[in-house]
Amino acid sequence: MYCNPLIRRIAELVRGGAIGEVRTVQADFGLQGPFDAGHRLRDPAVGGGALLDLGVYPVSFAQLLLGEPSTVHAHALLSPEGVDLNTGMLLGWDSGASALLSCSLDGDTPLTASVTGSLGRIDVPRGFFFPERFTLHRHGHEPEEYVSTDDPHSFRHEAAEVTRALRAGETESPLVPLDGSLAVMRTLDAVRDRVGVRYPQEVTRA
């Protein structure tokens, strides 16, 4: 997702102050269930649940724009196997910004995202993690629409970045830094801790 040109453009606009100080981020990713108990998405042994499979996208979107949150609150519906079927997250930052995020294995959510700032808003329609377009709303200006010039569903941008990094002798991409991946995982682990999801291979701490 971070290699997608429109996602990169959103980040550039936000960091460039196009919508002022970020106040809120909203994003969701839900699939129409139900999935049976034998499905991989409900199997704790392979990290099943909505959060790690789907929730990583809303969390990654929020952290791309705001960095790692300082506070994490969450609520979830768990399956009989102990994985999350439906999870809501409220993340907070010291700046006063917040993110309201959700993921679900039991409902076809809009799959949209928006980021609101003190001077405007960016709306990303269905399929926010591989956007075909997005709209920039700035106070006092007409809406500006940004449209993809190629296939947004393609992995070509990720492949191109991997190729570029390898040719340059880099061990990580500046678009997807290792520290950023670890920061997202810390947030996902914090959410799991809040909602009580544990996987059988995890070591129990004394």
N, C-alpha and C. Protein backbone atom coordinates (compact mmCIF):
# COMPACT_ATOMS: atom_id res chain seq x y z
N MET A 1 0.83 -1.20 0.00
CA MET A 1 0.00 0.00 0.00
C MET A 1 0.87 1.26 0.00
N TYR A 2 1.95 1.25 0.75
CA TYR A 2 2.80 2.42 0.84
C TYR A 2 3.50 2.75 -0.49
N CYS A 3 3.58 1.78 -1.40
CA CYS A 3 4.22 2.02 -2.69
C CYS A 3 3.24 2.54 -3.74
N ASN A 4 1.96 2.51 -3.44
CA ASN A 4 0.96 2.96 -4.38
C ASN A 4 1.09 4.48 -4.60
N PRO A 5 1.15 4.93 -5.86
CA PRO A 5 1.37 6.36 -6.12
C PRO A 5 0.33 7.29 -5.49
N LEU A 6 -0.95 6.89 -5.48
CA LEU A 6 -1.96 7.76 -4.89
C LEU A 6 -1.84 7.81 -3.37
N ILE A 7 -1.50 6.69 -2.74
CA ILE A 7 -1.26 6.71 -1.30
C ILE A 7 -0.07 7.60 -0.98
N ARG A 8 0.96 7.50 -1.79
CA ARG A 8 2.14 8.36 -1.59
C ARG A 8 1.77 9.83 -1.78
N ARG A 9 0.89 10.11 -2.73
CA ARG A 9 0.46 11.49 -2.96
C ARG A 9 -0.35 12.02 -1.78
N ILE A 10 -1.20 11.16 -1.21
CA ILE A 10 -1.96 11.57 -0.03
C ILE A 10 -1.00 11.96 1.09
N ALA A 11 0.01 11.11 1.32
CA ALA A 11 0.98 11.40 2.38
C ALA A 11 1.73 12.70 2.10
N GLU A 12 2.08 12.94 0.85
CA GLU A 12 2.78 14.18 0.50
C GLU A 12 1.90 15.40 0.76
N LEU A 13 0.63 15.32 0.40
CA LEU A 13 -0.28 16.44 0.62
C LEU A 13 -0.44 16.73 2.11
N VAL A 14 -0.61 15.66 2.89
CA VAL A 14 -0.78 15.85 4.33
C VAL A 14 0.47 16.45 4.95
N ARG A 15 1.62 15.88 4.60
CA ARG A 15 2.88 16.39 5.17
C ARG A 15 3.19 17.80 4.68
N GLY A 16 2.68 18.15 3.50
CA GLY A 16 2.91 19.49 2.96
C GLY A 16 1.94 20.53 3.49
N GLY A 17 1.03 20.12 4.36
CA GLY A 17 0.11 21.07 4.99
C GLY A 17 -1.13 21.38 4.18
N ALA A 18 -1.46 20.58 3.18
CA ALA A 18 -2.61 20.87 2.32
C ALA A 18 -3.92 20.91 3.09
N ILE A 19 -4.03 20.13 4.16
CA ILE A 19 -5.26 20.14 4.96
C ILE A 19 -5.00 20.64 6.39
N GLY A 20 -3.86 21.29 6.58
CA GLY A 20 -3.54 21.81 7.90
C GLY A 20 -3.11 20.73 8.87
N GLU A 21 -3.35 20.96 10.15
CA GLU A 21 -3.00 19.98 11.18
C GLU A 21 -4.01 18.84 11.16
N VAL A 22 -3.51 17.59 11.12
CA VAL A 22 -4.40 16.44 11.10
C VAL A 22 -5.14 16.33 12.42
N ARG A 23 -6.47 16.17 12.32
CA ARG A 23 -7.31 16.02 13.50
C ARG A 23 -7.83 14.60 13.66
N THR A 24 -8.35 14.02 12.55
CA THR A 24 -8.90 12.67 12.64
C THR A 24 -8.57 11.87 11.38
N VAL A 25 -8.45 10.57 11.57
CA VAL A 25 -8.33 9.62 10.47
C VAL A 25 -9.40 8.56 10.68
N GLN A 26 -10.10 8.19 9.62
CA GLN A 26 -11.09 7.12 9.69
C GLN A 26 -10.82 6.15 8.55
N ALA A 27 -10.89 4.86 8.85
CA ALA A 27 -10.69 3.84 7.82
C ALA A 27 -11.28 2.52 8.29
N ASP A 28 -11.74 1.71 7.34
CA ASP A 28 -12.33 0.42 7.70
C ASP A 28 -12.02 -0.61 6.63
N PHE A 29 -12.02 -1.89 7.04
CA PHE A 29 -11.83 -2.99 6.10
C PHE A 29 -12.60 -4.19 6.65
N GLY A 30 -13.73 -4.50 6.02
CA GLY A 30 -14.54 -5.63 6.44
C GLY A 30 -14.95 -6.50 5.27
N LEU A 31 -14.99 -7.81 5.49
CA LEU A 31 -15.42 -8.76 4.48
C LEU A 31 -16.76 -9.36 4.87
N GLN A 32 -17.56 -9.68 3.87
CA GLN A 32 -18.86 -10.29 4.13
C GLN A 32 -18.68 -11.75 4.52
N GLY A 33 -18.93 -12.07 5.79
CA GLY A 33 -18.86 -13.45 6.25
C GLY A 33 -20.20 -14.12 6.05
N PRO A 34 -20.49 -15.15 6.82
CA PRO A 34 -19.55 -15.70 7.82
C PRO A 34 -18.55 -16.65 7.19
N PHE A 35 -17.41 -16.82 7.87
CA PHE A 35 -16.42 -17.82 7.49
C PHE A 35 -16.55 -18.98 8.47
N ASP A 36 -16.48 -20.20 7.95
CA ASP A 36 -16.66 -21.34 8.84
C ASP A 36 -15.45 -21.53 9.75
N ALA A 37 -15.63 -22.33 10.78
CA ALA A 37 -14.60 -22.49 11.82
C ALA A 37 -13.30 -23.06 11.28
N GLY A 38 -13.34 -23.79 10.14
CA GLY A 38 -12.14 -24.36 9.58
C GLY A 38 -11.37 -23.44 8.66
N HIS A 39 -11.90 -22.26 8.40
CA HIS A 39 -11.25 -21.32 7.48
C HIS A 39 -10.00 -20.74 8.13
N ARG A 40 -8.98 -20.44 7.31
CA ARG A 40 -7.73 -19.89 7.86
C ARG A 40 -7.95 -18.59 8.63
N LEU A 41 -8.97 -17.81 8.24
CA LEU A 41 -9.22 -16.55 8.93
C LEU A 41 -9.72 -16.74 10.35
N ARG A 42 -10.14 -17.97 10.67
CA ARG A 42 -10.59 -18.24 12.04
C ARG A 42 -9.67 -19.22 12.77
N ASP A 43 -8.51 -19.48 12.21
CA ASP A 43 -7.58 -20.45 12.79
C ASP A 43 -6.51 -19.73 13.61
N PRO A 44 -6.53 -19.86 14.94
CA PRO A 44 -5.53 -19.18 15.77
C PRO A 44 -4.10 -19.63 15.46
N ALA A 45 -3.93 -20.86 15.01
CA ALA A 45 -2.59 -21.39 14.76
C ALA A 45 -1.87 -20.65 13.64
N VAL A 46 -2.62 -20.01 12.75
CA VAL A 46 -1.99 -19.28 11.64
C VAL A 46 -2.26 -17.77 11.76
N GLY A 47 -2.52 -17.31 12.97
CA GLY A 47 -2.73 -15.88 13.18
C GLY A 47 -4.04 -15.38 12.65
N GLY A 48 -5.10 -16.21 12.75
CA GLY A 48 -6.40 -15.84 12.23
C GLY A 48 -7.03 -14.66 12.94
N GLY A 49 -8.10 -14.17 12.36
CA GLY A 49 -8.81 -13.02 12.91
C GLY A 49 -8.79 -11.86 11.96
N ALA A 50 -9.67 -10.92 12.19
CA ALA A 50 -9.78 -9.75 11.31
C ALA A 50 -8.58 -8.83 11.43
N LEU A 51 -8.03 -8.70 12.62
CA LEU A 51 -7.03 -7.67 12.88
C LEU A 51 -5.78 -7.81 12.03
N LEU A 52 -5.13 -8.98 12.08
CA LEU A 52 -3.86 -9.14 11.38
C LEU A 52 -4.05 -9.25 9.88
N ASP A 53 -5.20 -9.74 9.44
CA ASP A 53 -5.43 -9.92 8.01
C ASP A 53 -5.96 -8.65 7.35
N LEU A 54 -6.86 -7.95 8.02
CA LEU A 54 -7.53 -6.79 7.45
C LEU A 54 -7.21 -5.49 8.20
N GLY A 55 -7.17 -5.56 9.52
CA GLY A 55 -6.96 -4.36 10.32
C GLY A 55 -5.62 -3.70 10.09
N VAL A 56 -4.66 -4.46 9.60
CA VAL A 56 -3.34 -3.89 9.33
C VAL A 56 -3.42 -2.76 8.31
N TYR A 57 -4.40 -2.80 7.40
CA TYR A 57 -4.51 -1.75 6.39
C TYR A 57 -4.98 -0.42 6.97
N PRO A 58 -6.09 -0.37 7.73
CA PRO A 58 -6.45 0.89 8.37
C PRO A 58 -5.38 1.41 9.32
N VAL A 59 -4.76 0.51 10.10
CA VAL A 59 -3.71 0.94 11.03
C VAL A 59 -2.52 1.51 10.27
N SER A 60 -2.12 0.83 9.19
CA SER A 60 -0.99 1.31 8.40
C SER A 60 -1.30 2.66 7.76
N PHE A 61 -2.54 2.85 7.30
CA PHE A 61 -2.93 4.13 6.71
C PHE A 61 -2.80 5.25 7.74
N ALA A 62 -3.32 5.01 8.94
CA ALA A 62 -3.26 6.03 9.99
C ALA A 62 -1.82 6.34 10.39
N GLN A 63 -1.00 5.30 10.52
CA GLN A 63 0.37 5.52 10.97
C GLN A 63 1.26 6.09 9.87
N LEU A 64 0.91 5.88 8.62
CA LEU A 64 1.63 6.55 7.54
C LEU A 64 1.52 8.06 7.69
N LEU A 65 0.37 8.51 8.12
CA LEU A 65 0.09 9.95 8.21
C LEU A 65 0.47 10.56 9.56
N LEU A 66 0.42 9.74 10.62
CA LEU A 66 0.59 10.29 11.96
C LEU A 66 1.70 9.65 12.78
N GLY A 67 2.27 8.56 12.29
CA GLY A 67 3.27 7.85 13.08
C GLY A 67 2.63 6.94 14.11
N GLU A 68 3.44 6.44 15.02
CA GLU A 68 2.96 5.50 16.03
C GLU A 68 2.12 6.22 17.08
N PRO A 69 0.96 5.69 17.43
CA PRO A 69 0.10 6.37 18.40
C PRO A 69 0.64 6.26 19.83
N SER A 70 0.22 7.19 20.66
CA SER A 70 0.62 7.17 22.07
C SER A 70 -0.39 6.42 22.93
N THR A 71 -1.64 6.31 22.46
CA THR A 71 -2.65 5.57 23.20
C THR A 71 -3.41 4.65 22.24
N VAL A 72 -3.83 3.49 22.77
CA VAL A 72 -4.55 2.50 21.97
C VAL A 72 -5.72 1.97 22.79
N HIS A 73 -6.93 2.11 22.26
CA HIS A 73 -8.13 1.53 22.87
C HIS A 73 -8.78 0.64 21.83
N ALA A 74 -9.41 -0.44 22.26
CA ALA A 74 -10.01 -1.36 21.30
C ALA A 74 -11.13 -2.18 21.95
N HIS A 75 -12.03 -2.63 21.10
CA HIS A 75 -13.13 -3.52 21.52
C HIS A 75 -13.35 -4.52 20.40
N ALA A 76 -13.64 -5.78 20.75
CA ALA A 76 -13.79 -6.79 19.71
C ALA A 76 -14.81 -7.85 20.09
N LEU A 77 -15.37 -8.45 19.05
CA LEU A 77 -16.18 -9.66 19.18
C LEU A 77 -15.28 -10.82 18.81
N LEU A 78 -15.12 -11.79 19.72
CA LEU A 78 -14.25 -12.93 19.48
C LEU A 78 -15.04 -14.15 19.06
N SER A 79 -14.41 -14.99 18.26
CA SER A 79 -15.02 -16.25 17.82
C SER A 79 -14.83 -17.30 18.91
N PRO A 80 -15.52 -18.43 18.82
CA PRO A 80 -15.30 -19.51 19.79
C PRO A 80 -13.85 -19.99 19.80
N GLU A 81 -13.14 -19.82 18.68
CA GLU A 81 -11.73 -20.23 18.63
C GLU A 81 -10.81 -19.20 19.27
N GLY A 82 -11.32 -18.02 19.56
CA GLY A 82 -10.52 -17.01 20.23
C GLY A 82 -9.88 -15.97 19.33
N VAL A 83 -10.31 -15.91 18.06
CA VAL A 83 -9.80 -14.85 17.19
C VAL A 83 -10.86 -13.76 17.06
N ASP A 84 -10.44 -12.57 16.64
CA ASP A 84 -11.38 -11.45 16.55
C ASP A 84 -12.16 -11.50 15.24
N LEU A 85 -13.48 -11.39 15.37
CA LEU A 85 -14.36 -11.35 14.20
C LEU A 85 -14.70 -9.93 13.80
N ASN A 86 -14.72 -9.05 14.77
CA ASN A 86 -15.10 -7.65 14.51
C ASN A 86 -14.38 -6.80 15.54
N THR A 87 -13.58 -5.85 15.08
CA THR A 87 -12.74 -5.07 16.00
C THR A 87 -12.82 -3.59 15.68
N GLY A 88 -13.02 -2.79 16.72
CA GLY A 88 -12.98 -1.34 16.60
C GLY A 88 -11.79 -0.81 17.36
N MET A 89 -11.12 0.18 16.81
CA MET A 89 -9.92 0.75 17.43
C MET A 89 -10.02 2.26 17.51
N LEU A 90 -9.58 2.82 18.60
CA LEU A 90 -9.45 4.27 18.76
C LEU A 90 -8.02 4.55 19.15
N LEU A 91 -7.27 5.15 18.25
CA LEU A 91 -5.87 5.48 18.49
C LEU A 91 -5.73 6.97 18.75
N GLY A 92 -4.80 7.33 19.61
CA GLY A 92 -4.59 8.73 19.93
C GLY A 92 -3.13 9.14 19.85
N TRP A 93 -2.88 10.41 19.54
CA TRP A 93 -1.54 10.96 19.43
C TRP A 93 -1.41 12.17 20.35
N ASP A 94 -0.20 12.46 20.76
CA ASP A 94 0.05 13.58 21.66
C ASP A 94 -0.36 14.91 21.04
N SER A 95 -0.42 14.97 19.72
CA SER A 95 -0.83 16.19 19.02
C SER A 95 -2.31 16.51 19.22
N GLY A 96 -3.05 15.53 19.72
CA GLY A 96 -4.50 15.68 19.84
C GLY A 96 -5.26 14.98 18.73
N ALA A 97 -4.53 14.47 17.71
CA ALA A 97 -5.17 13.73 16.62
C ALA A 97 -5.66 12.38 17.11
N SER A 98 -6.67 11.86 16.44
CA SER A 98 -7.19 10.54 16.78
C SER A 98 -7.55 9.80 15.49
N ALA A 99 -7.62 8.47 15.59
CA ALA A 99 -8.01 7.64 14.44
C ALA A 99 -9.06 6.66 14.91
N LEU A 100 -10.15 6.59 14.17
CA LEU A 100 -11.22 5.64 14.42
C LEU A 100 -11.18 4.60 13.30
N LEU A 101 -10.80 3.38 13.64
CA LEU A 101 -10.54 2.34 12.66
C LEU A 101 -11.33 1.09 12.99
N SER A 102 -11.65 0.28 11.97
CA SER A 102 -12.36 -0.96 12.23
C SER A 102 -12.00 -2.01 11.19
N CYS A 103 -12.20 -3.27 11.59
CA CYS A 103 -12.01 -4.40 10.67
C CYS A 103 -12.99 -5.48 11.07
N SER A 104 -13.42 -6.29 10.09
CA SER A 104 -14.47 -7.26 10.36
C SER A 104 -14.40 -8.44 9.41
N LEU A 105 -14.70 -9.63 9.94
CA LEU A 105 -14.89 -10.83 9.14
C LEU A 105 -16.37 -11.17 9.04
N ASP A 106 -17.20 -10.25 9.46
CA ASP A 106 -18.63 -10.54 9.56
C ASP A 106 -19.50 -9.43 8.97
N GLY A 107 -18.93 -8.63 8.07
CA GLY A 107 -19.72 -7.57 7.46
C GLY A 107 -18.94 -6.83 6.39
N ASP A 108 -19.59 -6.55 5.28
CA ASP A 108 -18.99 -5.84 4.16
C ASP A 108 -19.01 -4.35 4.44
N THR A 109 -17.94 -3.83 5.03
CA THR A 109 -17.88 -2.41 5.38
C THR A 109 -17.59 -1.57 4.13
N PRO A 110 -17.69 -0.25 4.22
CA PRO A 110 -17.48 0.59 3.02
C PRO A 110 -16.09 0.50 2.40
N LEU A 111 -15.06 0.12 3.19
CA LEU A 111 -13.68 0.05 2.71
C LEU A 111 -13.18 1.42 2.27
N THR A 112 -13.56 2.43 3.01
CA THR A 112 -13.18 3.80 2.67
C THR A 112 -12.25 4.36 3.75
N ALA A 113 -11.66 5.52 3.44
CA ALA A 113 -10.81 6.20 4.40
C ALA A 113 -10.95 7.70 4.21
N SER A 114 -10.70 8.42 5.27
CA SER A 114 -10.67 9.88 5.19
C SER A 114 -9.71 10.41 6.23
N VAL A 115 -9.11 11.53 5.92
CA VAL A 115 -8.25 12.22 6.88
C VAL A 115 -8.69 13.67 6.90
N THR A 116 -9.01 14.16 8.09
CA THR A 116 -9.53 15.52 8.25
C THR A 116 -8.51 16.36 9.00
N GLY A 117 -8.26 17.54 8.47
CA GLY A 117 -7.34 18.47 9.10
C GLY A 117 -8.02 19.78 9.42
N SER A 118 -7.26 20.69 9.98
CA SER A 118 -7.80 21.99 10.38
C SER A 118 -8.17 22.86 9.19
N LEU A 119 -7.66 22.52 8.01
CA LEU A 119 -7.93 23.34 6.81
C LEU A 119 -8.64 22.58 5.70
N GLY A 120 -8.93 21.31 5.91
CA GLY A 120 -9.58 20.56 4.84
C GLY A 120 -9.64 19.08 5.12
N ARG A 121 -9.91 18.30 4.07
CA ARG A 121 -10.14 16.86 4.24
C ARG A 121 -9.76 16.14 2.95
N ILE A 122 -9.31 14.91 3.09
CA ILE A 122 -9.07 14.02 1.96
C ILE A 122 -9.96 12.80 2.12
N ASP A 123 -10.75 12.50 1.10
CA ASP A 123 -11.64 11.34 1.10
C ASP A 123 -11.15 10.33 0.08
N VAL A 124 -11.06 9.07 0.53
CA VAL A 124 -10.64 7.98 -0.36
C VAL A 124 -11.81 7.01 -0.45
N PRO A 125 -12.34 6.75 -1.66
CA PRO A 125 -13.51 5.88 -1.80
C PRO A 125 -13.18 4.41 -1.61
N ARG A 126 -14.15 3.57 -1.87
CA ARG A 126 -14.04 2.14 -1.64
C ARG A 126 -12.76 1.56 -2.26
N GLY A 127 -12.09 0.74 -1.45
CA GLY A 127 -10.80 0.19 -1.87
C GLY A 127 -9.67 1.14 -1.55
N PHE A 128 -9.71 1.77 -0.37
CA PHE A 128 -8.74 2.82 -0.03
C PHE A 128 -7.30 2.32 -0.05
N PHE A 129 -7.09 1.03 0.12
CA PHE A 129 -5.72 0.50 0.18
C PHE A 129 -5.14 0.27 -1.21
N PHE A 130 -5.96 0.31 -2.27
CA PHE A 130 -5.45 0.37 -3.65
C PHE A 130 -6.32 1.36 -4.42
N PRO A 131 -6.26 2.64 -4.06
CA PRO A 131 -7.23 3.62 -4.56
C PRO A 131 -7.13 3.88 -6.06
N GLU A 132 -8.30 4.03 -6.66
CA GLU A 132 -8.38 4.46 -8.05
C GLU A 132 -8.42 5.98 -8.14
N ARG A 133 -8.84 6.62 -7.04
CA ARG A 133 -8.94 8.07 -7.00
C ARG A 133 -9.08 8.53 -5.56
N PHE A 134 -8.89 9.80 -5.32
CA PHE A 134 -9.24 10.41 -4.04
C PHE A 134 -9.55 11.87 -4.29
N THR A 135 -10.23 12.49 -3.32
CA THR A 135 -10.65 13.89 -3.46
C THR A 135 -10.10 14.73 -2.32
N LEU A 136 -9.50 15.83 -2.67
CA LEU A 136 -8.99 16.80 -1.71
C LEU A 136 -9.99 17.94 -1.58
N HIS A 137 -10.48 18.16 -0.35
CA HIS A 137 -11.38 19.26 -0.05
C HIS A 137 -10.62 20.27 0.81
N ARG A 138 -10.50 21.48 0.31
CA ARG A 138 -9.84 22.54 1.08
C ARG A 138 -10.81 23.70 1.25
N HIS A 139 -10.86 24.24 2.46
CA HIS A 139 -11.76 25.34 2.74
C HIS A 139 -11.51 26.50 1.77
N GLY A 140 -12.58 26.94 1.12
CA GLY A 140 -12.47 28.06 0.20
C GLY A 140 -12.07 27.68 -1.21
N HIS A 141 -11.95 26.38 -1.49
CA HIS A 141 -11.54 25.93 -2.82
C HIS A 141 -12.51 24.86 -3.33
N GLU A 142 -12.56 24.72 -4.62
CA GLU A 142 -13.33 23.64 -5.22
C GLU A 142 -12.63 22.30 -4.94
N PRO A 143 -13.40 21.22 -4.82
CA PRO A 143 -12.76 19.91 -4.60
C PRO A 143 -11.80 19.57 -5.74
N GLU A 144 -10.69 18.93 -5.39
CA GLU A 144 -9.69 18.51 -6.37
C GLU A 144 -9.65 16.99 -6.39
N GLU A 145 -9.84 16.39 -7.56
CA GLU A 145 -9.83 14.94 -7.66
C GLU A 145 -8.52 14.47 -8.28
N TYR A 146 -7.93 13.48 -7.63
CA TYR A 146 -6.71 12.85 -8.12
C TYR A 146 -7.08 11.45 -8.59
N VAL A 147 -6.68 11.10 -9.82
CA VAL A 147 -7.08 9.82 -10.42
C VAL A 147 -5.84 9.01 -10.81
N SER A 148 -5.89 7.71 -10.55
CA SER A 148 -4.80 6.82 -10.92
C SER A 148 -4.64 6.77 -12.43
N THR A 149 -3.39 6.73 -12.89
CA THR A 149 -3.12 6.67 -14.32
C THR A 149 -2.80 5.25 -14.78
N ASP A 150 -2.84 4.27 -13.85
CA ASP A 150 -2.59 2.88 -14.24
C ASP A 150 -3.48 1.96 -13.41
N ASP A 151 -3.20 0.67 -13.42
CA ASP A 151 -4.01 -0.31 -12.71
C ASP A 151 -3.72 -0.22 -11.21
N PRO A 152 -4.66 0.30 -10.40
CA PRO A 152 -4.40 0.46 -8.98
C PRO A 152 -4.34 -0.87 -8.24
N HIS A 153 -4.89 -1.95 -8.83
CA HIS A 153 -4.90 -3.24 -8.16
C HIS A 153 -3.58 -4.00 -8.34
N SER A 154 -2.68 -3.46 -9.14
CA SER A 154 -1.44 -4.15 -9.46
C SER A 154 -0.42 -4.05 -8.33
N PHE A 155 0.43 -5.08 -8.24
CA PHE A 155 1.56 -5.06 -7.30
C PHE A 155 2.81 -4.50 -7.97
N ARG A 156 2.65 -3.91 -9.15
CA ARG A 156 3.80 -3.46 -9.93
C ARG A 156 4.63 -2.41 -9.20
N HIS A 157 3.96 -1.54 -8.44
CA HIS A 157 4.70 -0.47 -7.75
C HIS A 157 5.56 -1.05 -6.63
N GLU A 158 5.03 -2.03 -5.92
CA GLU A 158 5.81 -2.70 -4.89
C GLU A 158 6.99 -3.45 -5.52
N ALA A 159 6.72 -4.18 -6.61
CA ALA A 159 7.78 -4.91 -7.29
C ALA A 159 8.86 -3.97 -7.81
N ALA A 160 8.44 -2.84 -8.34
CA ALA A 160 9.41 -1.86 -8.86
C ALA A 160 10.27 -1.29 -7.75
N GLU A 161 9.68 -1.06 -6.58
CA GLU A 161 10.45 -0.53 -5.46
C GLU A 161 11.43 -1.55 -4.92
N VAL A 162 11.01 -2.83 -4.85
CA VAL A 162 11.93 -3.89 -4.43
C VAL A 162 13.11 -3.97 -5.40
N THR A 163 12.82 -3.94 -6.70
CA THR A 163 13.87 -4.00 -7.72
C THR A 163 14.83 -2.83 -7.59
N ARG A 164 14.27 -1.64 -7.40
CA ARG A 164 15.11 -0.45 -7.26
C ARG A 164 16.03 -0.56 -6.05
N ALA A 165 15.45 -1.02 -4.91
CA ALA A 165 16.24 -1.13 -3.67
C ALA A 165 17.35 -2.17 -3.82
N LEU A 166 17.04 -3.30 -4.43
CA LEU A 166 18.06 -4.34 -4.62
C LEU A 166 19.19 -3.84 -5.51
N ARG A 167 18.84 -3.16 -6.58
CA ARG A 167 19.87 -2.63 -7.49
C ARG A 167 20.73 -1.58 -6.81
N ALA A 168 20.13 -0.86 -5.86
CA ALA A 168 20.87 0.17 -5.14
C ALA A 168 21.64 -0.39 -3.94
N GLY A 169 21.50 -1.70 -3.70
CA GLY A 169 22.19 -2.32 -2.57
C GLY A 169 21.58 -1.99 -1.23
N GLU A 170 20.31 -1.58 -1.22
CA GLU A 170 19.64 -1.22 0.03
C GLU A 170 19.03 -2.45 0.69
N THR A 171 19.05 -2.47 1.99
CA THR A 171 18.45 -3.59 2.73
C THR A 171 17.03 -3.28 3.20
N GLU A 172 16.56 -2.08 2.95
CA GLU A 172 15.18 -1.71 3.23
C GLU A 172 14.80 -0.54 2.32
N SER A 173 13.50 -0.36 2.15
CA SER A 173 13.01 0.72 1.31
C SER A 173 12.64 1.92 2.17
N PRO A 174 12.98 3.12 1.75
CA PRO A 174 12.53 4.30 2.50
C PRO A 174 11.02 4.47 2.46
N LEU A 175 10.35 3.83 1.49
CA LEU A 175 8.89 3.90 1.44
C LEU A 175 8.26 2.99 2.49
N VAL A 176 8.94 1.89 2.81
CA VAL A 176 8.43 0.93 3.79
C VAL A 176 9.56 0.58 4.75
N PRO A 177 9.97 1.51 5.60
CA PRO A 177 11.12 1.26 6.48
C PRO A 177 10.80 0.19 7.52
N LEU A 178 11.83 -0.54 7.92
CA LEU A 178 11.65 -1.61 8.90
C LEU A 178 11.07 -1.09 10.21
N ASP A 179 11.53 0.06 10.65
CA ASP A 179 11.01 0.63 11.90
C ASP A 179 9.52 0.90 11.79
N GLY A 180 9.06 1.30 10.60
CA GLY A 180 7.64 1.55 10.40
C GLY A 180 6.82 0.27 10.50
N SER A 181 7.36 -0.82 9.94
CA SER A 181 6.66 -2.10 10.02
C SER A 181 6.57 -2.56 11.47
N LEU A 182 7.65 -2.40 12.21
CA LEU A 182 7.64 -2.78 13.62
C LEU A 182 6.66 -1.92 14.42
N ALA A 183 6.58 -0.63 14.08
CA ALA A 183 5.65 0.26 14.78
C ALA A 183 4.21 -0.16 14.54
N VAL A 184 3.87 -0.56 13.31
CA VAL A 184 2.52 -1.05 13.03
C VAL A 184 2.25 -2.32 13.82
N MET A 185 3.22 -3.22 13.88
CA MET A 185 3.03 -4.47 14.63
C MET A 185 2.86 -4.20 16.12
N ARG A 186 3.55 -3.20 16.64
CA ARG A 186 3.36 -2.87 18.07
C ARG A 186 1.93 -2.42 18.32
N THR A 187 1.38 -1.65 17.40
CA THR A 187 -0.01 -1.22 17.55
C THR A 187 -0.95 -2.40 17.47
N LEU A 188 -0.74 -3.30 16.50
CA LEU A 188 -1.59 -4.48 16.37
C LEU A 188 -1.49 -5.37 17.61
N ASP A 189 -0.28 -5.51 18.15
CA ASP A 189 -0.12 -6.30 19.38
C ASP A 189 -0.83 -5.64 20.56
N ALA A 190 -0.78 -4.30 20.60
CA ALA A 190 -1.48 -3.58 21.67
C ALA A 190 -2.98 -3.79 21.57
N VAL A 191 -3.51 -3.78 20.35
CA VAL A 191 -4.94 -4.03 20.15
C VAL A 191 -5.28 -5.45 20.60
N ARG A 192 -4.48 -6.42 20.20
CA ARG A 192 -4.74 -7.81 20.62
C ARG A 192 -4.72 -7.93 22.14
N ASP A 193 -3.80 -7.22 22.76
CA ASP A 193 -3.73 -7.25 24.22
C ASP A 193 -5.00 -6.68 24.84
N ARG A 194 -5.52 -5.61 24.26
CA ARG A 194 -6.72 -4.97 24.81
C ARG A 194 -7.96 -5.87 24.67
N VAL A 195 -8.03 -6.63 23.56
CA VAL A 195 -9.25 -7.41 23.30
C VAL A 195 -9.12 -8.87 23.72
N GLY A 196 -7.90 -9.29 24.13
CA GLY A 196 -7.72 -10.64 24.64
C GLY A 196 -7.50 -11.72 23.61
N VAL A 197 -6.88 -11.38 22.47
CA VAL A 197 -6.56 -12.38 21.47
C VAL A 197 -5.14 -12.89 21.70
N ARG A 198 -5.00 -14.20 21.91
CA ARG A 198 -3.71 -14.84 22.10
C ARG A 198 -3.59 -16.00 21.14
N TYR A 199 -2.40 -16.19 20.59
CA TYR A 199 -2.18 -17.30 19.66
C TYR A 199 -1.41 -18.41 20.37
N PRO A 200 -1.65 -19.67 20.00
CA PRO A 200 -1.08 -20.79 20.75
C PRO A 200 0.45 -20.82 20.75
N GLN A 201 1.11 -20.26 19.74
CA GLN A 201 2.56 -20.30 19.69
C GLN A 201 3.23 -19.19 20.48
N GLU A 202 2.45 -18.28 21.04
CA GLU A 202 3.03 -17.18 21.81
C GLU A 202 3.55 -17.68 23.16
N VAL A 203 4.68 -17.14 23.55
CA VAL A 203 5.27 -17.51 24.83
C VAL A 203 4.55 -16.75 25.94
N THR A 204 4.11 -17.47 26.96
CA THR A 204 3.46 -16.83 28.09
C THR A 204 4.49 -16.20 28.99
N ARG A 205 4.33 -14.92 29.25
CA ARG A 205 5.26 -14.21 30.13
C ARG A 205 4.85 -14.38 31.58
N ALA A 206 5.84 -14.54 32.46
CA ALA A 206 5.57 -14.71 33.88
C ALA A 206 5.08 -13.40 34.49
